[in-house]
Protein backbone atom coordinates (compact mmCIF):
# COMPACT_ATOMS: atom_id res chain seq x y z
CA MET A 1 0.00 0.00 0.00
CA GLY A 2 1.30 3.43 -0.95
CA LEU A 3 1.62 6.66 0.94
CA SER A 4 -1.38 8.89 1.42
CA LEU A 5 -1.09 11.76 -1.02
CA ASN A 6 -3.96 13.78 0.44
CA PHE A 7 -2.10 17.08 0.50
CA ASP A 8 -3.25 20.26 -1.19
CA LEU A 9 -0.53 22.70 -2.21
CA GLU A 10 -0.67 25.92 -4.21
CA ASP A 11 1.30 26.76 -7.30
CA ALA A 12 2.84 30.23 -7.67
CA ASN A 13 -0.42 31.56 -9.14
CA GLY A 14 -2.47 30.45 -6.14
CA THR A 15 -4.10 27.49 -7.88
CA VAL A 16 -4.50 24.56 -5.49
CA HIS A 17 -3.20 21.15 -6.60
CA SER A 18 -3.61 17.86 -4.80
CA LEU A 19 -0.69 15.46 -4.70
CA GLN A 20 -3.39 12.86 -5.33
CA GLU A 21 -3.42 14.15 -8.95
CA TYR A 22 -0.10 12.35 -9.50
CA ARG A 23 -1.28 8.90 -8.42
CA GLY A 24 -1.05 6.55 -11.38
CA HIS A 25 2.30 8.03 -12.48
CA VAL A 26 5.86 7.44 -11.41
CA LEU A 27 6.50 10.63 -9.44
CA VAL A 28 9.81 12.28 -8.64
CA LEU A 29 9.29 14.74 -5.81
CA PHE A 30 11.89 17.29 -4.77
CA TYR A 31 11.27 19.06 -1.45
CA GLU A 32 13.57 21.96 -0.61
CA SER A 33 13.83 25.34 1.02
CA ARG A 34 15.48 28.21 -0.83
CA GLU A 35 18.78 27.51 0.94
CA HIS A 36 19.01 24.06 -0.67
CA VAL A 37 17.74 24.65 -4.20
CA GLN A 38 21.21 24.18 -5.71
CA ASP A 39 22.03 21.01 -3.74
CA ASN A 40 20.80 18.56 -6.39
CA PHE A 41 20.86 20.82 -9.41
CA ALA A 42 22.71 18.24 -11.54
CA LEU A 43 19.90 15.78 -10.94
CA LYS A 44 17.20 18.36 -11.64
CA ARG A 45 18.99 19.29 -14.86
CA SER A 46 18.53 15.63 -15.94
CA PHE A 47 14.77 16.23 -15.96
CA MET A 48 14.95 19.37 -18.10
CA HIS A 49 14.83 19.64 -21.89
CA PRO A 50 15.66 17.63 -23.86
CA ARG A 51 13.81 14.98 -21.90
CA ARG A 52 15.01 11.47 -22.63
CA PRO A 53 14.14 8.06 -21.21
CA PRO A 54 13.55 7.31 -18.44
CA PHE A 55 13.09 10.98 -17.54
CA ASN A 56 10.42 11.66 -20.17
CA GLN A 57 8.12 9.00 -18.71
CA VAL A 58 7.78 10.30 -15.17
CA ARG A 59 6.09 13.25 -13.49
CA VAL A 60 8.46 15.62 -11.73
CA VAL A 61 7.26 18.02 -9.06
CA GLY A 62 9.30 20.44 -7.03
CA VAL A 63 7.84 21.50 -3.70
CA ALA A 64 9.23 24.60 -2.04
CA ASN A 65 9.30 24.65 1.73
CA VAL A 66 8.12 28.24 2.19
CA LYS A 67 6.63 27.91 5.67
CA SER A 68 8.89 30.67 7.02
CA LEU A 69 7.69 33.03 4.27
CA ASN A 70 3.95 32.69 4.87
CA PHE A 71 3.25 36.33 5.69
CA PRO A 72 2.68 39.47 3.62
CA PRO A 73 4.63 40.87 1.79
CA ALA A 74 7.01 37.89 1.76
CA ARG A 75 4.28 35.63 0.39
CA THR A 76 3.73 37.83 -2.69
CA PHE A 77 7.47 38.18 -3.27
CA THR A 78 7.90 34.40 -2.96
CA GLN A 79 5.15 33.68 -5.50
CA LYS A 80 6.74 36.11 -7.94
CA ALA A 81 10.19 34.55 -7.49
CA VAL A 82 8.84 31.02 -7.95
CA ARG A 83 7.01 32.07 -11.14
CA ALA A 84 10.33 33.40 -12.49
CA ILE A 85 12.11 30.14 -11.65
CA GLN A 86 9.32 28.05 -13.13
CA SER A 87 9.48 29.96 -16.41
CA GLN A 88 13.13 28.88 -16.79
CA PHE A 89 12.58 25.16 -16.19
CA ASP A 90 10.15 22.52 -17.37
CA LEU A 91 9.21 21.41 -13.84
CA GLU A 92 6.02 21.84 -11.85
CA LEU A 93 6.62 23.84 -8.69
CA LEU A 94 4.27 23.84 -5.71
CA LEU A 95 4.46 25.83 -2.49
CA ASP A 96 4.18 24.28 0.97
CA TRP A 97 3.11 27.33 3.01
CA GLU A 98 2.14 25.31 6.09
CA GLY A 99 4.96 22.76 6.16
CA GLN A 100 2.52 19.93 5.49
CA LEU A 101 5.12 17.62 3.98
CA LEU A 102 7.48 18.02 6.92
CA GLY A 103 5.23 15.64 8.88
CA ALA A 104 3.78 12.20 8.22
CA PRO A 105 4.06 10.34 5.94
CA PHE A 106 7.04 12.11 4.32
CA PHE A 107 8.94 13.61 7.27
CA PHE A 108 11.08 15.70 4.92
CA ASP A 109 14.10 17.41 6.43
CA PRO A 110 13.61 21.20 6.28
CA ALA A 111 17.39 21.72 6.30
CA ALA A 112 18.18 19.60 3.23
CA SER A 113 17.26 18.81 -0.34
CA ASN A 114 14.88 15.83 -0.25
CA VAL A 115 14.27 13.54 -3.23
CA VAL A 116 11.60 10.84 -3.30
CA VAL A 117 10.46 8.59 -6.14
CA LEU A 118 6.97 7.15 -5.77
CA SER A 119 5.43 4.33 -7.78
CA PRO A 120 2.06 4.85 -9.50
CA ALA A 121 0.49 3.31 -6.35
CA GLY A 122 2.33 5.73 -4.05
CA GLU A 123 4.98 3.29 -2.82
CA VAL A 124 8.41 4.75 -2.04
CA LEU A 125 10.90 3.45 -4.60
CA PHE A 126 13.76 5.80 -3.71
CA ARG A 127 14.37 8.27 -0.93
CA HIS A 128 17.34 10.51 -0.22
CA ARG A 129 18.12 13.49 1.98
CA GLY A 130 20.97 15.82 1.04
CA VAL A 131 23.18 16.09 -2.00
CA LEU A 132 23.16 12.94 -4.13
CA ALA A 133 26.61 11.61 -4.96
CA PRO A 134 27.12 10.35 -8.53
CA HIS A 135 26.54 6.71 -7.53
CA GLU A 136 23.27 7.70 -5.79
CA ARG A 137 22.10 9.57 -8.92
CA GLU A 138 22.88 6.40 -10.92
CA ARG A 139 20.81 4.34 -8.47
CA LEU A 140 17.90 6.76 -8.86
CA VAL A 141 18.12 6.58 -12.68
CA ARG A 142 18.21 2.74 -12.52
CA THR A 143 15.16 2.80 -10.24
CA LEU A 144 13.29 5.02 -12.70
CA ALA A 145 14.32 2.93 -15.70
CA GLU A 146 13.22 -0.30 -14.00
CA ARG A 147 9.88 1.15 -12.93
CA VAL A 148 9.17 2.70 -16.35
CA HIS A 149 10.10 -0.58 -18.07
CA HIS A 150 7.92 -2.51 -15.57
CA ALA A 151 4.94 -0.23 -16.30
CA ALA A 152 5.29 -0.59 -20.08
């Protein structure tokens, strides 16, 4: 049985998205605060254009831990900054204003870059906290390739 994905998060335009929307897809989820955005940039770059297998067969979502910025005018500034970042990359970005994903079932570390790969059923296939070393990135890519091949 997979993780509960009953979390509603806003995008930078204020539209609410449920993580439940991603059930049925292999999902790569990045969870980071602004201090750790660069930590796994090499991995994130793998998911950008041009998208090649196995990267083109998964959903990728970045979630920004913006709990400490949930007050005016910081909230407006944050939304504007995230829109600018999103326009540069082909990744969905959502905002966790309340720190929902810091608790169960994810327990993401607010002081690190967090990477999770979920199966279409919500099962954790890969989980890492911090900067991924090259051999860990290779393990993640193998995990994605195996899951994408299994689903085909």
